[in-house]
Structures are given as structure tokens and as C-alpha cells.
PDB file of N, CA and C in Angstrom:
ATOM      1  N   MET A   1       1.187  -1.232   0.178  1.00  0.00           N
ATOM      2  CA  MET A   1       0.170  -0.205  -0.140  1.00  0.00           C
ATOM      3  C   MET A   1       1.198   1.274  -0.476  1.00  0.00           C
ATOM      4  N   PRO A   2       0.801   2.746  -0.964  1.00  0.00           N
ATOM      5  CA  PRO A   2       1.055   4.086  -0.866  1.00  0.00           C
ATOM      6  C   PRO A   2       1.928   4.142   0.103  1.00  0.00           C
ATOM      7  N   LYS A   3       2.464   5.005   0.754  1.00  0.00           N
ATOM      8  CA  LYS A   3       3.103   6.058   1.227  1.00  0.00           C
ATOM      9  C   LYS A   3       3.031   7.532   1.196  1.00  0.00           C
ATOM     10  N   TYR A   4       2.634   7.920   1.885  1.00  0.00           N
ATOM     11  CA  TYR A   4       2.143   9.456   1.450  1.00  0.00           C
ATOM     12  C   TYR A   4       2.604  10.564   3.014  1.00  0.00           C
ATOM     13  N   VAL A   5       3.429  11.567   2.306  1.00  0.00           N
ATOM     14  CA  VAL A   5       3.043  12.677   3.861  1.00  0.00           C
ATOM     15  C   VAL A   5       2.554  14.152   3.167  1.00  0.00           C
ATOM     16  N   ILE A   6       1.580  13.764   4.206  1.00  0.00           N
ATOM     17  CA  ILE A   6       1.003  15.836   4.188  1.00  0.00           C
ATOM     18  C   ILE A   6       1.231  16.657   4.315  1.00  0.00           C
ATOM     19  N   GLU A   7       1.164  17.400   3.837  1.00  0.00           N
ATOM     20  CA  GLU A   7       1.494  19.033   4.396  1.00  0.00           C
ATOM     21  C   GLU A   7       0.598  19.999   4.785  1.00  0.00           C
ATOM     22  N   ARG A   8       0.146  20.037   6.479  1.00  0.00           N
ATOM     23  CA  ARG A   8      -0.397  20.624   6.881  1.00  0.00           C
ATOM     24  C   ARG A   8      -0.083  22.096   7.108  1.00  0.00           C
ATOM     25  N   ASN A   9      -0.154  23.339   6.833  1.00  0.00           N
ATOM     26  CA  ASN A   9      -0.479  24.326   7.546  1.00  0.00           C
ATOM     27  C   ASN A   9      -1.042  25.138   8.162  1.00  0.00           C
ATOM     28  N   ILE A  10      -0.618  25.456   9.511  1.00  0.00           N
ATOM     29  CA  ILE A  10      -1.241  25.357  10.149  1.00  0.00           C
ATOM     30  C   ILE A  10      -0.534  26.455  11.565  1.00  0.00           C
ATOM     31  N   ASP A  11      -0.822  27.375  11.573  1.00  0.00           N
ATOM     32  CA  ASP A  11      -0.226  28.884  12.181  1.00  0.00           C
ATOM     33  C   ASP A  11       0.364  28.162  14.119  1.00  0.00           C
ATOM     34  N   ASP A  12       1.318  28.663  14.339  1.00  0.00           N
ATOM     35  CA  ASP A  12       1.719  28.261  15.460  1.00  0.00           C
ATOM     36  C   ASP A  12       1.668  27.272  16.015  1.00  0.00           C
ATOM     37  N   ALA A  13       1.940  25.727  15.066  1.00  0.00           N
ATOM     38  CA  ALA A  13       1.479  24.578  15.318  1.00  0.00           C
ATOM     39  C   ALA A  13       2.738  24.691  16.765  1.00  0.00           C
ATOM     40  N   GLY A  14       3.501  24.938  16.315  1.00  0.00           N
ATOM     41  CA  GLY A  14       4.941  24.214  17.283  1.00  0.00           C
ATOM     42  C   GLY A  14       4.239  25.407  19.067  1.00  0.00           C
ATOM     43  N   LYS A  15       3.421  25.933  18.702  1.00  0.00           N
ATOM     44  CA  LYS A  15       3.236  25.851  20.330  1.00  0.00           C
ATOM     45  C   LYS A  15       2.254  25.710  20.514  1.00  0.00           C
ATOM     46  N   LEU A  16       1.848  24.048  20.106  1.00  0.00           N
ATOM     47  CA  LEU A  16       0.290  23.109  20.306  1.00  0.00           C
ATOM     48  C   LEU A  16       0.564  23.303  21.722  1.00  0.00           C
ATOM     49  N   THR A  17       0.295  22.134  22.916  1.00  0.00           N
ATOM     50  CA  THR A  17       0.610  22.551  24.212  1.00  0.00           C
ATOM     51  C   THR A  17       0.079  20.365  24.289  1.00  0.00           C
ATOM     52  N   ALA A  18       0.779  20.132  24.925  1.00  0.00           N
ATOM     53  CA  ALA A  18       0.937  18.435  24.456  1.00  0.00           C
ATOM     54  C   ALA A  18      -0.915  18.414  25.293  1.00  0.00           C
ATOM     55  N   ALA A  19      -1.552  19.004  26.203  1.00  0.00           N
ATOM     56  CA  ALA A  19      -2.953  18.660  25.586  1.00  0.00           C
ATOM     57  C   ALA A  19      -4.008  18.463  24.386  1.00  0.00           C
ATOM     58  N   ASP A  20      -3.380  19.879  23.505  1.00  0.00           N
ATOM     59  CA  ASP A  20      -3.742  20.125  21.989  1.00  0.00           C
ATOM     60  C   ASP A  20      -3.577  18.652  21.054  1.00  0.00           C
ATOM     61  N   LEU A  21      -2.550  18.562  21.140  1.00  0.00           N
ATOM     62  CA  LEU A  21      -2.101  17.523  20.234  1.00  0.00           C
ATOM     63  C   LEU A  21      -2.606  16.443  20.705  1.00  0.00           C
ATOM     64  N   GLN A  22      -2.247  16.051  21.985  1.00  0.00           N
ATOM     65  CA  GLN A  22      -3.270  14.617  22.351  1.00  0.00           C
ATOM     66  C   GLN A  22      -5.015  14.649  22.108  1.00  0.00           C
ATOM     67  N   GLY A  23      -5.472  15.568  21.796  1.00  0.00           N
ATOM     68  CA  GLY A  23      -7.213  15.959  21.041  1.00  0.00           C
ATOM     69  C   GLY A  23      -7.445  16.288  19.598  1.00  0.00           C
ATOM     70  N   ILE A  24      -6.245  16.228  19.022  1.00  0.00           N
ATOM     71  CA  ILE A  24      -5.807  16.330  17.910  1.00  0.00           C
ATOM     72  C   ILE A  24      -5.873  15.170  17.425  1.00  0.00           C
ATOM     73  N   SER A  25      -4.709  14.133  17.884  1.00  0.00           N
ATOM     74  CA  SER A  25      -4.059  12.755  18.072  1.00  0.00           C
ATOM     75  C   SER A  25      -5.172  11.905  17.662  1.00  0.00           C
ATOM     76  N   GLN A  26      -6.227  12.447  19.280  1.00  0.00           N
ATOM     77  CA  GLN A  26      -7.255  11.348  19.323  1.00  0.00           C
ATOM     78  C   GLN A  26      -8.977  11.770  18.283  1.00  0.00           C
ATOM     79  N   LYS A  27      -9.151  12.831  17.677  1.00  0.00           N
ATOM     80  CA  LYS A  27      -9.873  13.391  16.627  1.00  0.00           C
ATOM     81  C   LYS A  27      -9.595  12.635  15.122  1.00  0.00           C
ATOM     82  N   SER A  28      -8.217  12.452  14.581  1.00  0.00           N
ATOM     83  CA  SER A  28      -7.413  11.257  13.426  1.00  0.00           C
ATOM     84  C   SER A  28      -7.550  10.112  14.060  1.00  0.00           C
ATOM     85  N   CYS A  29      -7.581   9.859  14.995  1.00  0.00           N
ATOM     86  CA  CYS A  29      -7.924   8.245  15.381  1.00  0.00           C
ATOM     87  C   CYS A  29      -9.328   7.487  15.075  1.00  0.00           C
ATOM     88  N   GLY A  30      -9.475   8.816  14.952  1.00  0.00           N
ATOM     89  CA  GLY A  30     -11.693   8.468  15.633  1.00  0.00           C
ATOM     90  C   GLY A  30     -11.813   8.473  13.872  1.00  0.00           C
ATOM     91  N   VAL A  31     -11.153   9.954  12.937  1.00  0.00           N
ATOM     92  CA  VAL A  31     -11.517   9.588  11.811  1.00  0.00           C
ATOM     93  C   VAL A  31     -11.532   7.949  10.610  1.00  0.00           C
ATOM     94  N   ILE A  32     -10.166   7.535  11.563  1.00  0.00           N
ATOM     95  CA  ILE A  32      -9.406   7.053  10.509  1.00  0.00           C
ATOM     96  C   ILE A  32     -10.134   5.797  10.605  1.00  0.00           C
ATOM     97  N   SER A  33     -10.859   5.563  11.987  1.00  0.00           N
ATOM     98  CA  SER A  33     -12.169   4.160  12.799  1.00  0.00           C
ATOM     99  C   SER A  33     -13.074   4.155  11.609  1.00  0.00           C
ATOM    100  N   GLU A  34     -13.535   5.716  11.610  1.00  0.00           N
ATOM    101  CA  GLU A  34     -14.764   5.106  10.876  1.00  0.00           C
ATOM    102  C   GLU A  34     -14.758   5.444   8.976  1.00  0.00           C
ATOM    103  N   LEU A  35     -12.969   5.344   8.371  1.00  0.00           N
ATOM    104  CA  LEU A  35     -13.021   5.438   7.196  1.00  0.00           C
ATOM    105  C   LEU A  35     -12.395   3.350   6.793  1.00  0.00           C
ATOM    106  N   GLY A  36     -12.360   3.344   8.093  1.00  0.00           N
ATOM    107  CA  GLY A  36     -12.096   1.575   8.055  1.00  0.00           C
ATOM    108  C   GLY A  36     -10.228   1.004   7.855  1.00  0.00           C
ATOM    109  N   PRO A  37     -10.362  -0.509   7.745  1.00  0.00           N
ATOM    110  CA  PRO A  37      -8.641  -0.704   8.364  1.00  0.00           C
ATOM    111  C   PRO A  37      -7.991  -0.292   7.324  1.00  0.00           C
ATOM    112  N   GLY A  38      -8.103   0.007   5.636  1.00  0.00           N
ATOM    113  CA  GLY A  38      -7.438   1.190   4.848  1.00  0.00           C
ATOM    114  C   GLY A  38      -6.053   2.091   5.091  1.00  0.00           C
ATOM    115  N   VAL A  39      -6.422   2.317   6.197  1.00  0.00           N
ATOM    116  CA  VAL A  39      -5.908   3.652   6.376  1.00  0.00           C
ATOM    117  C   VAL A  39      -4.844   3.352   7.684  1.00  0.00           C
ATOM    118  N   GLN A  40      -3.764   4.488   7.736  1.00  0.00           N
ATOM    119  CA  GLN A  40      -2.594   4.401   8.981  1.00  0.00           C
ATOM    120  C   GLN A  40      -2.049   5.306   8.959  1.00  0.00           C
ATOM    121  N   TRP A  41      -2.199   6.076   9.691  1.00  0.00           N
ATOM    122  CA  TRP A  41      -1.643   6.927  10.444  1.00  0.00           C
ATOM    123  C   TRP A  41      -0.060   6.492  11.447  1.00  0.00           C
ATOM    124  N   LEU A  42       0.912   7.239  10.857  1.00  0.00           N
ATOM    125  CA  LEU A  42       2.360   6.835  10.864  1.00  0.00           C
ATOM    126  C   LEU A  42       3.276   7.550  11.948  1.00  0.00           C
ATOM    127  N   GLU A  43       2.964   8.666  11.744  1.00  0.00           N
ATOM    128  CA  GLU A  43       3.532   9.945  12.667  1.00  0.00           C
ATOM    129  C   GLU A  43       3.953  10.931  11.773  1.00  0.00           C
ATOM    130  N   SER A  44       3.671  11.829  13.031  1.00  0.00           N
ATOM    131  CA  SER A  44       3.623  13.522  12.500  1.00  0.00           C
ATOM    132  C   SER A  44       4.605  14.440  13.062  1.00  0.00           C
ATOM    133  N   TYR A  45       5.006  15.145  12.367  1.00  0.00           N
ATOM    134  CA  TYR A  45       6.129  15.742  12.807  1.00  0.00           C
ATOM    135  C   TYR A  45       5.928  17.683  12.567  1.00  0.00           C
ATOM    136  N   VAL A  46       6.201  17.560  13.884  1.00  0.00           N
ATOM    137  CA  VAL A  46       5.404  18.950  13.854  1.00  0.00           C
ATOM    138  C   VAL A  46       6.872  20.705  14.079  1.00  0.00           C
ATOM    139  N   THR A  47       6.119  21.605  13.032  1.00  0.00           N
ATOM    140  CA  THR A  47       7.403  22.373  13.455  1.00  0.00           C
ATOM    141  C   THR A  47       6.516  24.293  13.204  1.00  0.00           C
ATOM    142  N   ASP A  48       7.254  25.311  13.196  1.00  0.00           N
ATOM    143  CA  ASP A  48       6.267  26.437  13.814  1.00  0.00           C
ATOM    144  C   ASP A  48       5.001  26.106  13.450  1.00  0.00           C
ATOM    145  N   ASN A  49       5.343  26.182  12.026  1.00  0.00           N
ATOM    146  CA  ASN A  49       3.881  26.320  11.043  1.00  0.00           C
ATOM    147  C   ASN A  49       3.271  25.498   9.999  1.00  0.00           C
ATOM    148  N   LYS A  50       3.906  24.623  10.329  1.00  0.00           N
ATOM    149  CA  LYS A  50       3.427  22.971   9.883  1.00  0.00           C
ATOM    150  C   LYS A  50       2.800  22.357  10.363  1.00  0.00           C
ATOM    151  N   VAL A  51       2.778  20.990   9.869  1.00  0.00           N
ATOM    152  CA  VAL A  51       2.820  19.389  10.377  1.00  0.00           C
ATOM    153  C   VAL A  51       2.351  18.605   9.171  1.00  0.00           C
ATOM    154  N   TYR A  52       3.182  17.965   8.869  1.00  0.00           N
ATOM    155  CA  TYR A  52       3.965  17.084   8.057  1.00  0.00           C
ATOM    156  C   TYR A  52       3.375  15.733   8.289  1.00  0.00           C
ATOM    157  N   CYS A  53       2.582  14.750   8.047  1.00  0.00           N
ATOM    158  CA  CYS A  53       1.988  13.622   8.843  1.00  0.00           C
ATOM    159  C   CYS A  53       2.282  12.940   7.336  1.00  0.00           C
ATOM    160  N   VAL A  54       2.474  10.903   8.527  1.00  0.00           N
ATOM    161  CA  VAL A  54       3.012  10.223   7.173  1.00  0.00           C
ATOM    162  C   VAL A  54       1.708   8.767   7.219  1.00  0.00           C
ATOM    163  N   TYR A  55       1.381   8.464   6.528  1.00  0.00           N
ATOM    164  CA  TYR A  55       0.472   7.998   6.043  1.00  0.00           C
ATOM    165  C   TYR A  55       0.852   6.406   4.975  1.00  0.00           C
ATOM    166  N   ILE A  56      -0.063   5.346   5.876  1.00  0.00           N
ATOM    167  CA  ILE A  56      -0.447   4.379   4.401  1.00  0.00           C
ATOM    168  C   ILE A  56      -1.589   4.819   4.496  1.00  0.00           C
ATOM    169  N   ALA A  57      -1.785   4.919   3.132  1.00  0.00           N
ATOM    170  CA  ALA A  57      -3.337   4.832   2.159  1.00  0.00           C
ATOM    171  C   ALA A  57      -3.639   4.251   0.846  1.00  0.00           C
ATOM    172  N   PRO A  58      -4.777   3.909   0.776  1.00  0.00           N
ATOM    173  CA  PRO A  58      -4.584   3.229  -0.282  1.00  0.00           C
ATOM    174  C   PRO A  58      -4.725   4.346  -1.633  1.00  0.00           C
ATOM    175  N   ASP A  59      -5.456   5.280  -1.398  1.00  0.00           N
ATOM    176  CA  ASP A  59      -5.196   6.144  -2.408  1.00  0.00           C
ATOM    177  C   ASP A  59      -4.798   7.720  -2.097  1.00  0.00           C
ATOM    178  N   GLU A  60      -4.846   8.943  -2.523  1.00  0.00           N
ATOM    179  CA  GLU A  60      -4.517  10.635  -1.905  1.00  0.00           C
ATOM    180  C   GLU A  60      -6.298  10.996  -1.584  1.00  0.00           C
ATOM    181  N   ASP A  61      -7.079  10.673  -2.212  1.00  0.00           N
ATOM    182  CA  ASP A  61      -8.534  10.934  -1.605  1.00  0.00           C
ATOM    183  C   ASP A  61      -8.867  10.730  -0.560  1.00  0.00           C
ATOM    184  N   VAL A  62      -8.333   9.325  -0.466  1.00  0.00           N
ATOM    185  CA  VAL A  62      -9.046   9.348   1.226  1.00  0.00           C
ATOM    186  C   VAL A  62      -8.149   9.524   2.097  1.00  0.00           C
ATOM    187  N   LEU A  63      -6.975  10.196   1.888  1.00  0.00           N
ATOM    188  CA  LEU A  63      -6.774  11.368   2.917  1.00  0.00           C
ATOM    189  C   LEU A  63      -7.237  12.388   3.395  1.00  0.00           C
ATOM    190  N   ARG A  64      -7.044  13.001   1.844  1.00  0.00           N
ATOM    191  CA  ARG A  64      -8.413  14.312   1.959  1.00  0.00           C
ATOM    192  C   ARG A  64      -9.276  14.081   1.980  1.00  0.00           C
ATOM    193  N   LYS A  65     -10.119  12.820   2.374  1.00  0.00           N
ATOM    194  CA  LYS A  65     -11.531  13.037   2.771  1.00  0.00           C
ATOM    195  C   LYS A  65     -11.424  12.575   4.671  1.00  0.00           C
ATOM    196  N   HIS A  66     -10.003  12.097   5.215  1.00  0.00           N
ATOM    197  CA  HIS A  66      -9.521  12.478   6.115  1.00  0.00           C
ATOM    198  C   HIS A  66      -9.852  14.108   6.407  1.00  0.00           C
ATOM    199  N   GLY A  67      -8.966  14.776   6.096  1.00  0.00           N
ATOM    200  CA  GLY A  67      -8.896  15.960   6.561  1.00  0.00           C
ATOM    201  C   GLY A  67     -10.245  16.761   6.138  1.00  0.00           C
ATOM    202  N   GLU A  68     -11.620  15.982   5.866  1.00  0.00           N
ATOM    203  CA  GLU A  68     -12.316  16.938   6.036  1.00  0.00           C
ATOM    204  C   GLU A  68     -13.320  16.329   7.219  1.00  0.00           C
ATOM    205  N   MET A  69     -13.695  14.824   7.095  1.00  0.00           N
ATOM    206  CA  MET A  69     -14.276  14.117   8.112  1.00  0.00           C
ATOM    207  C   MET A  69     -13.621  15.201   9.782  1.00  0.00           C
ATOM    208  N   GLY A  70     -12.079  15.607  10.183  1.00  0.00           N
ATOM    209  CA  GLY A  70     -12.007  15.795  11.083  1.00  0.00           C
ATOM    210  C   GLY A  70     -11.643  16.946  11.375  1.00  0.00           C
ATOM    211  N   GLY A  71     -11.791  18.287   9.868  1.00  0.00           N
ATOM    212  CA  GLY A  71     -11.428  19.297   9.837  1.00  0.00           C
ATOM    213  C   GLY A  71      -9.820  19.628  10.049  1.00  0.00           C
ATOM    214  N   PHE A  72      -9.105  18.542   9.195  1.00  0.00           N
ATOM    215  CA  PHE A  72      -7.646  19.109   9.361  1.00  0.00           C
ATOM    216  C   PHE A  72      -7.482  20.116   8.167  1.00  0.00           C
ATOM    217  N   PRO A  73      -6.141  20.783   7.722  1.00  0.00           N
ATOM    218  CA  PRO A  73      -6.293  21.174   6.957  1.00  0.00           C
ATOM    219  C   PRO A  73      -5.042  20.391   6.009  1.00  0.00           C
ATOM    220  N   VAL A  74      -5.121  20.367   4.323  1.00  0.00           N
ATOM    221  CA  VAL A  74      -4.588  19.494   3.887  1.00  0.00           C
ATOM    222  C   VAL A  74      -3.818  20.437   2.248  1.00  0.00           C
ATOM    223  N   ASP A  75      -2.892  20.528   2.925  1.00  0.00           N
ATOM    224  CA  ASP A  75      -2.474  21.833   1.618  1.00  0.00           C
ATOM    225  C   ASP A  75      -1.864  20.508   0.673  1.00  0.00           C
ATOM    226  N   ALA A  76      -1.304  19.879   1.389  1.00  0.00           N
ATOM    227  CA  ALA A  76      -0.309  19.277   0.223  1.00  0.00           C
ATOM    228  C   ALA A  76      -0.475  17.884   0.474  1.00  0.00           C
ATOM    229  N   VAL A  77      -0.437  16.934  -0.644  1.00  0.00           N
ATOM    230  CA  VAL A  77      -0.843  15.366  -0.779  1.00  0.00           C
ATOM    231  C   VAL A  77       0.490  14.815  -1.320  1.00  0.00           C
ATOM    232  N   ASN A  78       1.364  14.028  -0.805  1.00  0.00           N
ATOM    233  CA  ASN A  78       2.587  13.774  -1.734  1.00  0.00           C
ATOM    234  C   ASN A  78       3.025  12.450  -1.084  1.00  0.00           C
ATOM    235  N   GLU A  79       2.902  10.962  -2.923  1.00  0.00           N
ATOM    236  CA  GLU A  79       3.436  10.256  -2.793  1.00  0.00           C
ATOM    237  C   GLU A  79       4.500   9.334  -2.420  1.00  0.00           C
ATOM    238  N   VAL A  80       5.467   8.968  -1.753  1.00  0.00           N
ATOM    239  CA  VAL A  80       6.564   8.846  -0.683  1.00  0.00           C
ATOM    240  C   VAL A  80       7.043   7.453  -2.157  1.00  0.00           C
ATOM    241  N   ARG A  81       7.805   8.150  -2.746  1.00  0.00           N
ATOM    242  CA  ARG A  81       8.337   6.937  -3.890  1.00  0.00           C
ATOM    243  C   ARG A  81       9.997   5.605  -3.641  1.00  0.00           C
ATOM    244  N   ASN A  82      10.831   6.935  -2.840  1.00  0.00           N
ATOM    245  CA  ASN A  82      11.530   6.087  -2.113  1.00  0.00           C
ATOM    246  C   ASN A  82      11.555   6.680  -0.849  1.00  0.00           C
ATOM    247  N   ILE A  83      12.864   5.750   0.177  1.00  0.00           N
ATOM    248  CA  ILE A  83      13.048   6.389   1.370  1.00  0.00           C
ATOM    249  C   ILE A  83      14.633   6.385   1.211  1.00  0.00           C
ATOM    250  N   ILE A  84      15.670   7.289   1.585  1.00  0.00           N
ATOM    251  CA  ILE A  84      16.869   7.213   1.462  1.00  0.00           C
ATOM    252  C   ILE A  84      16.990   8.093   3.151  1.00  0.00           C
ATOM    253  N   ASP A  85      18.307   7.271   3.343  1.00  0.00           N
ATOM    254  CA  ASP A  85      18.828   7.540   4.929  1.00  0.00           C
ATOM    255  C   ASP A  85      20.537   7.363   4.832  1.00  0.00           C
ATOM    256  N   PRO A  86      21.345   8.050   5.593  1.00  0.00           N
ATOM    257  CA  PRO A  86      22.491   7.067   5.793  1.00  0.00           C
ATOM    258  C   PRO A  86      22.956   5.889   5.306  1.00  0.00           C
ATOM    259  N   SER A  87      22.710   5.415   5.040  1.00  0.00           N
ATOM    260  CA  SER A  87      23.241   3.468   5.022  1.00  0.00           C
ATOM    261  C   SER A  87      23.147   3.515   3.512  1.00  0.00           C
ATOM    262  N   THR A  88      22.168   4.582   2.743  1.00  0.00           N
ATOM    263  CA  THR A  88      21.514   4.288   1.101  1.00  0.00           C
ATOM    264  C   THR A  88      23.288   5.264   0.635  1.00  0.00           C
ATOM    265  N   ALA A  89      24.055   5.531   1.319  1.00  0.00           N
ATOM    266  CA  ALA A  89      25.522   5.705   0.496  1.00  0.00           C
ATOM    267  C   ALA A  89      26.372   4.917   0.906  1.00  0.00           C
ATOM    268  N   GLU A  90      26.027   4.125   1.645  1.00  0.00           N
ATOM    269  CA  GLU A  90      27.133   2.863   1.775  1.00  0.00           C
ATOM    270  C   GLU A  90      27.691   1.982   0.753  1.00  0.00           C
TER     271      GLU A  90
END
């Protein structure tokens, strides 16, 4: 199943509290359970004004639906084509 990175523009995302992040996470997990077993949230990276979320999903459309159902912005969805890390240089 394809892996995607979703870019979400969220002003002051880096200032969200632990309680805010917990609530957002709970909402996301609730929406995923409604969407069915084909969607898996792996992790998210919170920066000052953006959140980058990594998902496994059958297609981009279901991820956009997740954003719509959860009230999360979806500014870009990019399919991961390859993964590299320092071991790639060996």
C-alpha cells in the first residue's frame, strides 16, 4: 500500500500544547476508525507553522476525506516514491 506525506499549514503549530496535540491525535484516530482498516497514521512532525503527517493509505482521495472529516487542513499530499538514509550512501 502506498505511503504519503501530508503537509498541513497550521499557524503556530509549534506552540500547540501536549493537551492540544492529544486532542488532535484522538480526533484523527477516531476519523481513521470511521474510514476503515485501509488507512494507517504512522507519525507526524510538528514545526513552527506546519505539520507533516506520514500515512499509509490506498490513495490520496481517502487522505483528503480524512482531513475533511476531521477538520484538518490538507495543503499537499505527496506519495513517497523512495526512502533514503545514511545507509543508502554505503
